[in-house]
């Protein structure tokens, strides 16, 4: 059941503005609140980044420490291999064999690395340069039409 009543211009709405604040004051307050909100968010972001920075620093230090310990482990392994070979060979021969094997591995890695660097040369973004040149040519042609 719905009843239709005539709508009166003043029903339910106050048109008296004496109780309302001036628009300028409302805009000023909104601007101030927005400024405070942005500053608060920036302080929160700064605190969050500071905390994350500490964690990244600790993580990086732990990774660095793991790298050093890993390097020492590799050295100990090399010494162990030399000692194991020294059971059947003179120590100098065992050391020479391990050194030669490590040298060959290093040479193969160096050659592979050089090949990768040569394939990456030159260090300029050639495809992008060509695309930009094509774009400039297209724009020039469009401008002359």
N, C-alpha and C. Protein backbone atom coordinates (compact mmCIF):
# COMPACT_ATOMS: atom_id res chain seq x y z
N UNK A 1 0.82 -1.17 0.00
CA UNK A 1 0.00 0.00 0.00
C UNK A 1 0.87 1.24 0.00
N UNK A 2 0.73 1.96 -1.03
CA UNK A 2 1.48 3.21 -1.03
C UNK A 2 0.51 4.36 -1.15
N UNK A 3 0.84 5.39 -0.46
CA UNK A 3 -0.03 6.57 -0.53
C UNK A 3 0.76 7.70 -1.14
N UNK A 4 0.14 8.42 -1.97
CA UNK A 4 0.81 9.54 -2.61
C UNK A 4 0.37 10.81 -1.94
N UNK A 5 1.36 11.52 -1.43
CA UNK A 5 1.06 12.81 -0.82
C UNK A 5 1.76 13.88 -1.61
N UNK A 6 1.20 15.03 -1.66
CA UNK A 6 1.83 16.10 -2.40
C UNK A 6 3.15 16.49 -1.76
N UNK A 7 4.14 16.74 -2.59
CA UNK A 7 5.48 17.10 -2.11
C UNK A 7 5.53 18.61 -1.92
N UNK A 8 5.86 19.00 -0.73
CA UNK A 8 5.98 20.44 -0.44
C UNK A 8 7.44 20.83 -0.54
N UNK A 9 7.69 21.98 -1.04
CA UNK A 9 9.05 22.45 -1.28
C UNK A 9 9.89 22.44 -0.02
N UNK A 10 9.34 22.69 1.12
CA UNK A 10 10.16 22.79 2.33
C UNK A 10 10.11 21.55 3.17
N UNK A 11 9.42 20.50 2.77
CA UNK A 11 9.26 19.35 3.64
C UNK A 11 10.54 18.53 3.75
N UNK A 12 11.00 18.36 4.98
CA UNK A 12 12.17 17.52 5.25
C UNK A 12 13.49 18.19 4.98
N UNK A 13 13.56 19.28 4.34
CA UNK A 13 14.82 19.94 4.04
C UNK A 13 14.81 21.34 4.63
N UNK A 14 15.90 21.69 5.25
CA UNK A 14 15.99 23.05 5.77
C UNK A 14 16.69 23.90 4.74
N UNK A 15 16.12 24.97 4.45
CA UNK A 15 16.75 25.89 3.53
C UNK A 15 17.42 27.02 4.28
N UNK A 16 17.31 26.99 5.58
CA UNK A 16 17.94 28.03 6.41
C UNK A 16 19.42 27.74 6.52
N UNK A 17 20.27 28.60 6.02
CA UNK A 17 21.71 28.39 6.02
C UNK A 17 22.39 29.03 7.23
N UNK A 18 21.66 29.54 8.15
CA UNK A 18 22.27 30.21 9.30
C UNK A 18 22.99 29.21 10.20
N UNK A 19 22.60 27.94 10.18
CA UNK A 19 23.25 26.92 11.01
C UNK A 19 24.42 26.26 10.30
N UNK A 20 24.62 26.54 9.03
CA UNK A 20 25.69 25.91 8.26
C UNK A 20 26.93 26.81 8.23
N UNK A 21 28.09 26.15 8.07
CA UNK A 21 29.34 26.90 7.98
C UNK A 21 29.51 27.43 6.56
N UNK A 22 30.25 28.52 6.43
CA UNK A 22 30.51 29.05 5.09
C UNK A 22 31.31 28.05 4.26
N UNK A 23 31.09 28.07 2.96
CA UNK A 23 31.74 27.13 2.04
C UNK A 23 33.26 27.26 2.13
N UNK A 24 33.76 28.48 2.21
CA UNK A 24 35.21 28.70 2.29
C UNK A 24 35.82 28.01 3.49
N UNK A 25 35.08 28.08 4.62
CA UNK A 25 35.58 27.43 5.83
C UNK A 25 35.57 25.91 5.68
N UNK A 26 34.54 25.39 5.04
CA UNK A 26 34.47 23.94 4.80
C UNK A 26 35.60 23.49 3.88
N UNK A 27 35.87 24.26 2.84
CA UNK A 27 36.95 23.92 1.92
C UNK A 27 38.29 23.97 2.65
N UNK A 28 38.46 24.99 3.48
CA UNK A 28 39.71 25.13 4.23
C UNK A 28 39.90 23.94 5.17
N UNK A 29 38.82 23.55 5.88
CA UNK A 29 38.92 22.43 6.80
C UNK A 29 39.20 21.13 6.05
N UNK A 30 38.54 20.94 4.91
CA UNK A 30 38.77 19.74 4.11
C UNK A 30 40.21 19.69 3.61
N UNK A 31 40.71 20.85 3.20
CA UNK A 31 42.09 20.92 2.73
C UNK A 31 43.06 20.58 3.85
N UNK A 32 42.79 21.12 5.03
CA UNK A 32 43.66 20.85 6.19
C UNK A 32 43.62 19.37 6.56
N UNK A 33 42.43 18.79 6.56
CA UNK A 33 42.29 17.37 6.89
C UNK A 33 43.00 16.50 5.85
N UNK A 34 42.88 16.88 4.60
CA UNK A 34 43.56 16.13 3.54
C UNK A 34 45.07 16.21 3.72
N UNK A 35 45.56 17.41 4.05
CA UNK A 35 47.00 17.58 4.28
C UNK A 35 47.46 16.71 5.44
N UNK A 36 46.69 16.73 6.54
CA UNK A 36 47.04 15.90 7.69
C UNK A 36 47.01 14.42 7.34
N UNK A 37 46.03 14.02 6.55
CA UNK A 37 45.92 12.62 6.13
C UNK A 37 47.14 12.22 5.30
N UNK A 38 47.52 13.06 4.33
CA UNK A 38 48.66 12.74 3.47
C UNK A 38 49.94 12.68 4.31
N UNK A 39 50.12 13.63 5.23
CA UNK A 39 51.31 13.62 6.09
C UNK A 39 51.36 12.37 6.95
N UNK A 40 50.20 11.99 7.49
CA UNK A 40 50.14 10.77 8.30
C UNK A 40 50.50 9.54 7.48
N UNK A 41 49.99 9.48 6.26
CA UNK A 41 50.30 8.35 5.38
C UNK A 41 51.78 8.33 5.02
N UNK A 42 52.36 9.50 4.80
CA UNK A 42 53.79 9.57 4.49
C UNK A 42 54.62 9.12 5.68
N UNK A 43 54.22 9.51 6.91
CA UNK A 43 54.95 9.06 8.10
C UNK A 43 54.85 7.54 8.24
N UNK A 44 53.66 7.01 7.98
CA UNK A 44 53.48 5.56 8.04
C UNK A 44 54.34 4.85 7.01
N UNK A 45 54.35 5.38 5.78
CA UNK A 45 55.16 4.78 4.72
C UNK A 45 56.65 4.84 5.08
N UNK A 46 57.08 5.97 5.66
CA UNK A 46 58.48 6.12 6.05
C UNK A 46 58.85 5.10 7.12
N UNK A 47 57.99 4.95 8.12
CA UNK A 47 58.26 3.97 9.18
C UNK A 47 58.29 2.55 8.62
N UNK A 48 57.36 2.26 7.71
CA UNK A 48 57.32 0.93 7.11
C UNK A 48 58.58 0.65 6.29
N UNK A 49 59.01 1.64 5.51
CA UNK A 49 60.21 1.46 4.69
C UNK A 49 61.46 1.34 5.56
N UNK A 50 61.48 2.06 6.66
CA UNK A 50 62.62 1.97 7.58
C UNK A 50 62.72 0.55 8.15
N UNK A 51 61.57 0.00 8.54
CA UNK A 51 61.55 -1.36 9.07
C UNK A 51 61.96 -2.37 8.00
N UNK A 52 61.45 -2.18 6.78
CA UNK A 52 61.82 -3.09 5.69
C UNK A 52 63.31 -2.95 5.36
N UNK A 53 63.82 -1.73 5.42
CA UNK A 53 65.24 -1.51 5.16
C UNK A 53 66.12 -2.26 6.16
N UNK A 54 65.70 -2.24 7.42
CA UNK A 54 66.45 -2.99 8.45
C UNK A 54 66.46 -4.48 8.12
N UNK A 55 65.29 -4.97 7.72
CA UNK A 55 65.21 -6.41 7.40
C UNK A 55 66.05 -6.75 6.16
N UNK A 56 66.00 -5.88 5.15
CA UNK A 56 66.83 -6.11 3.97
C UNK A 56 68.31 -6.07 4.34
N UNK A 57 68.68 -5.17 5.21
CA UNK A 57 70.07 -5.08 5.64
C UNK A 57 70.52 -6.35 6.36
N UNK A 58 69.67 -6.83 7.27
CA UNK A 58 70.00 -8.07 7.98
C UNK A 58 70.08 -9.25 7.01
N UNK A 59 69.11 -9.31 6.10
CA UNK A 59 69.10 -10.39 5.10
C UNK A 59 70.33 -10.35 4.22
N UNK A 60 70.71 -9.14 3.78
CA UNK A 60 71.91 -9.00 2.95
C UNK A 60 73.16 -9.41 3.70
N UNK A 61 73.23 -9.02 4.97
CA UNK A 61 74.39 -9.43 5.78
C UNK A 61 74.47 -10.94 5.94
N UNK A 62 73.31 -11.56 6.15
CA UNK A 62 73.29 -13.02 6.28
C UNK A 62 73.67 -13.70 4.97
N UNK A 63 73.19 -13.15 3.83
CA UNK A 63 73.60 -13.71 2.54
C UNK A 63 75.11 -13.55 2.33
N UNK A 64 75.64 -12.41 2.71
CA UNK A 64 77.09 -12.19 2.59
C UNK A 64 77.87 -13.18 3.44
N UNK A 65 77.41 -13.37 4.67
CA UNK A 65 78.05 -14.33 5.56
C UNK A 65 77.97 -15.74 4.99
N UNK A 66 76.83 -16.09 4.41
CA UNK A 66 76.67 -17.41 3.80
C UNK A 66 77.64 -17.57 2.63
N UNK A 67 77.84 -16.49 1.88
CA UNK A 67 78.80 -16.56 0.76
C UNK A 67 80.22 -16.80 1.24
N UNK A 68 80.61 -16.12 2.31
CA UNK A 68 81.96 -16.31 2.86
C UNK A 68 82.13 -17.74 3.36
N UNK A 69 81.14 -18.22 4.12
CA UNK A 69 81.23 -19.59 4.64
C UNK A 69 81.21 -20.60 3.49
N UNK A 70 80.41 -20.34 2.46
CA UNK A 70 80.39 -21.22 1.30
C UNK A 70 81.75 -21.26 0.60
N UNK A 71 82.40 -20.10 0.49
CA UNK A 71 83.72 -20.03 -0.13
C UNK A 71 84.74 -20.81 0.70
N UNK A 72 84.67 -20.67 2.02
CA UNK A 72 85.57 -21.44 2.89
C UNK A 72 85.30 -22.93 2.78
N UNK A 73 84.04 -23.30 2.62
CA UNK A 73 83.67 -24.71 2.44
C UNK A 73 84.29 -25.25 1.16
N UNK A 74 84.23 -24.46 0.09
CA UNK A 74 84.84 -24.89 -1.17
C UNK A 74 86.34 -25.07 -1.01
N UNK A 75 87.00 -24.18 -0.28
CA UNK A 75 88.43 -24.31 -0.04
C UNK A 75 88.74 -25.58 0.76
N UNK A 76 87.91 -25.85 1.76
CA UNK A 76 88.11 -27.06 2.55
C UNK A 76 87.90 -28.30 1.69
N UNK A 77 86.94 -28.26 0.78
CA UNK A 77 86.71 -29.39 -0.11
C UNK A 77 87.93 -29.62 -1.02
N UNK A 78 88.49 -28.54 -1.53
CA UNK A 78 89.69 -28.67 -2.37
C UNK A 78 90.83 -29.29 -1.56
N UNK A 79 91.00 -28.82 -0.34
CA UNK A 79 92.05 -29.41 0.51
C UNK A 79 91.79 -30.88 0.78
N UNK A 80 90.52 -31.24 0.95
CA UNK A 80 90.16 -32.65 1.19
C UNK A 80 90.47 -33.50 -0.03
N UNK A 81 90.16 -32.98 -1.22
CA UNK A 81 90.46 -33.73 -2.45
C UNK A 81 91.96 -33.91 -2.59
N UNK A 82 92.73 -32.87 -2.32
CA UNK A 82 94.19 -32.98 -2.40
C UNK A 82 94.69 -34.02 -1.41
N UNK A 83 94.16 -33.98 -0.18
CA UNK A 83 94.59 -34.96 0.83
C UNK A 83 94.22 -36.37 0.42
N UNK A 84 93.04 -36.54 -0.19
CA UNK A 84 92.63 -37.88 -0.62
C UNK A 84 93.53 -38.39 -1.74
N UNK A 85 93.89 -37.52 -2.69
CA UNK A 85 94.79 -37.94 -3.76
C UNK A 85 96.20 -38.20 -3.24
N UNK A 86 96.55 -37.50 -2.16
CA UNK A 86 97.90 -37.65 -1.60
C UNK A 86 98.10 -39.01 -0.95
N UNK A 87 97.02 -39.75 -0.75
CA UNK A 87 97.14 -41.10 -0.20
C UNK A 87 97.86 -41.99 -1.20
N UNK A 88 97.55 -41.80 -2.50
CA UNK A 88 98.16 -42.66 -3.52
C UNK A 88 99.25 -41.95 -4.31
N UNK A 89 99.29 -40.63 -4.27
CA UNK A 89 100.28 -39.85 -5.03
C UNK A 89 101.06 -38.97 -4.07
N UNK A 90 102.20 -38.45 -4.54
CA UNK A 90 102.89 -37.47 -3.71
C UNK A 90 102.00 -36.23 -3.55
N UNK A 91 102.14 -35.50 -2.46
CA UNK A 91 101.30 -34.33 -2.17
C UNK A 91 101.39 -33.31 -3.29
N UNK A 92 102.61 -33.07 -3.82
CA UNK A 92 102.76 -32.06 -4.87
C UNK A 92 101.98 -32.45 -6.12
N UNK A 93 101.94 -33.75 -6.44
CA UNK A 93 101.22 -34.22 -7.62
C UNK A 93 99.70 -34.08 -7.41
N UNK A 94 99.25 -34.41 -6.21
CA UNK A 94 97.82 -34.27 -5.90
C UNK A 94 97.41 -32.80 -6.00
N UNK A 95 98.22 -31.91 -5.47
CA UNK A 95 97.95 -30.47 -5.54
C UNK A 95 97.94 -29.98 -6.98
N UNK A 96 98.90 -30.48 -7.78
CA UNK A 96 98.99 -30.08 -9.19
C UNK A 96 97.77 -30.55 -9.97
N UNK A 97 97.32 -31.76 -9.73
CA UNK A 97 96.15 -32.29 -10.43
C UNK A 97 94.90 -31.45 -10.10
N UNK A 98 94.67 -31.19 -8.82
CA UNK A 98 93.50 -30.41 -8.40
C UNK A 98 93.58 -28.99 -8.96
N UNK A 99 94.77 -28.40 -8.94
CA UNK A 99 94.94 -27.04 -9.46
C UNK A 99 94.66 -27.01 -10.96
N UNK A 100 95.11 -28.01 -11.69
CA UNK A 100 94.89 -28.08 -13.13
C UNK A 100 93.39 -28.22 -13.44
N UNK A 101 92.70 -29.09 -12.72
CA UNK A 101 91.27 -29.27 -12.93
C UNK A 101 90.52 -27.97 -12.66
N UNK A 102 90.88 -27.30 -11.55
CA UNK A 102 90.22 -26.03 -11.23
C UNK A 102 90.54 -24.97 -12.29
N UNK A 103 91.75 -24.95 -12.81
CA UNK A 103 92.13 -24.01 -13.87
C UNK A 103 91.34 -24.24 -15.14
N UNK A 104 91.14 -25.51 -15.51
CA UNK A 104 90.36 -25.82 -16.72
C UNK A 104 88.91 -25.38 -16.53
N UNK A 105 88.35 -25.63 -15.35
CA UNK A 105 86.96 -25.20 -15.08
C UNK A 105 86.86 -23.68 -15.17
N UNK A 106 87.84 -22.97 -14.60
CA UNK A 106 87.83 -21.50 -14.66
C UNK A 106 87.95 -21.01 -16.09
N UNK A 107 88.79 -21.66 -16.91
CA UNK A 107 88.96 -21.25 -18.30
C UNK A 107 87.68 -21.45 -19.10
N UNK A 108 87.02 -22.58 -18.90
CA UNK A 108 85.76 -22.86 -19.61
C UNK A 108 84.70 -21.83 -19.20
N UNK A 109 84.62 -21.52 -17.92
CA UNK A 109 83.65 -20.52 -17.45
C UNK A 109 83.97 -19.15 -18.03
N UNK A 110 85.25 -18.79 -18.10
CA UNK A 110 85.65 -17.48 -18.64
C UNK A 110 85.30 -17.38 -20.12
N UNK A 111 85.55 -18.44 -20.87
CA UNK A 111 85.22 -18.42 -22.30
C UNK A 111 83.71 -18.33 -22.52
N UNK A 112 82.95 -19.05 -21.71
CA UNK A 112 81.49 -18.98 -21.82
C UNK A 112 81.00 -17.59 -21.46
N UNK A 113 81.58 -16.99 -20.44
CA UNK A 113 81.21 -15.63 -20.05
C UNK A 113 81.53 -14.63 -21.14
N UNK A 114 82.72 -14.77 -21.77
CA UNK A 114 83.11 -13.86 -22.84
C UNK A 114 82.16 -13.99 -24.02
N UNK A 115 81.76 -15.22 -24.32
CA UNK A 115 80.83 -15.44 -25.42
C UNK A 115 79.50 -14.74 -25.14
N UNK A 116 79.00 -14.84 -23.92
CA UNK A 116 77.75 -14.18 -23.55
C UNK A 116 77.86 -12.66 -23.65
N UNK A 117 78.99 -12.11 -23.21
CA UNK A 117 79.21 -10.66 -23.28
C UNK A 117 79.30 -10.21 -24.73
N UNK A 118 79.98 -10.98 -25.57
CA UNK A 118 80.09 -10.62 -26.99
C UNK A 118 78.72 -10.63 -27.67
N UNK A 119 77.86 -11.57 -27.30
CA UNK A 119 76.53 -11.63 -27.88
C UNK A 119 75.65 -10.47 -27.43
N UNK A 120 75.96 -9.91 -26.26
CA UNK A 120 75.17 -8.79 -25.74
C UNK A 120 75.61 -7.46 -26.32
N UNK A 121 76.82 -7.39 -26.88
CA UNK A 121 77.35 -6.13 -27.39
C UNK A 121 76.63 -5.73 -28.66
N UNK A 122 76.51 -4.50 -29.00
CA UNK A 122 76.87 -3.32 -28.22
C UNK A 122 75.83 -3.06 -27.12
N UNK A 123 76.23 -2.30 -26.11
CA UNK A 123 75.33 -2.11 -24.96
C UNK A 123 74.23 -1.07 -25.18
N UNK A 124 73.89 -0.79 -26.42
CA UNK A 124 72.81 0.16 -26.69
C UNK A 124 71.54 -0.60 -27.08
N UNK A 125 70.39 -0.05 -26.77
CA UNK A 125 69.12 -0.72 -27.11
C UNK A 125 68.80 -0.55 -28.59
N UNK A 126 69.38 -1.39 -29.42
CA UNK A 126 69.28 -1.26 -30.87
C UNK A 126 67.83 -1.31 -31.37
N UNK A 127 67.05 -2.24 -30.87
CA UNK A 127 65.66 -2.38 -31.31
C UNK A 127 64.87 -1.12 -30.98
N UNK A 128 65.08 -0.58 -29.79
CA UNK A 128 64.36 0.63 -29.39
C UNK A 128 64.77 1.81 -30.26
N UNK A 129 66.07 1.93 -30.56
CA UNK A 129 66.55 3.01 -31.42
C UNK A 129 65.89 2.93 -32.79
N UNK A 130 65.81 1.73 -33.34
CA UNK A 130 65.17 1.55 -34.64
C UNK A 130 63.68 1.91 -34.57
N UNK A 131 63.01 1.51 -33.50
CA UNK A 131 61.59 1.84 -33.35
C UNK A 131 61.37 3.34 -33.25
N UNK A 132 62.24 4.03 -32.51
CA UNK A 132 62.11 5.48 -32.37
C UNK A 132 62.34 6.16 -33.71
N UNK A 133 63.34 5.70 -34.46
CA UNK A 133 63.60 6.27 -35.79
C UNK A 133 62.38 6.09 -36.70
N UNK A 134 61.78 4.90 -36.65
CA UNK A 134 60.59 4.64 -37.46
C UNK A 134 59.43 5.54 -37.03
N UNK A 135 59.28 5.74 -35.72
CA UNK A 135 58.22 6.62 -35.21
C UNK A 135 58.42 8.05 -35.68
N UNK A 136 59.66 8.54 -35.61
CA UNK A 136 59.96 9.91 -36.05
C UNK A 136 59.67 10.06 -37.53
N UNK A 137 60.06 9.07 -38.32
CA UNK A 137 59.80 9.12 -39.76
C UNK A 137 58.29 9.16 -40.02
N UNK A 138 57.53 8.34 -39.32
CA UNK A 138 56.08 8.30 -39.48
C UNK A 138 55.45 9.64 -39.11
N UNK A 139 55.94 10.26 -38.03
CA UNK A 139 55.39 11.56 -37.60
C UNK A 139 55.71 12.63 -38.63
N UNK A 140 56.93 12.60 -39.18
CA UNK A 140 57.31 13.58 -40.19
C UNK A 140 56.43 13.43 -41.44
N UNK A 141 56.18 12.19 -41.85
CA UNK A 141 55.35 11.95 -43.02
C UNK A 141 53.91 12.40 -42.76
N UNK A 142 53.41 12.17 -41.57
CA UNK A 142 52.05 12.60 -41.22
C UNK A 142 51.95 14.12 -41.22
N UNK A 143 53.00 14.79 -40.80
CA UNK A 143 52.98 16.25 -40.73
C UNK A 143 53.00 16.87 -42.14
N UNK A 144 53.59 16.20 -43.11
CA UNK A 144 53.69 16.73 -44.46
C UNK A 144 52.40 16.51 -45.26
N UNK A 145 51.50 15.66 -44.82
CA UNK A 145 50.27 15.36 -45.56
C UNK A 145 49.27 16.44 -45.47
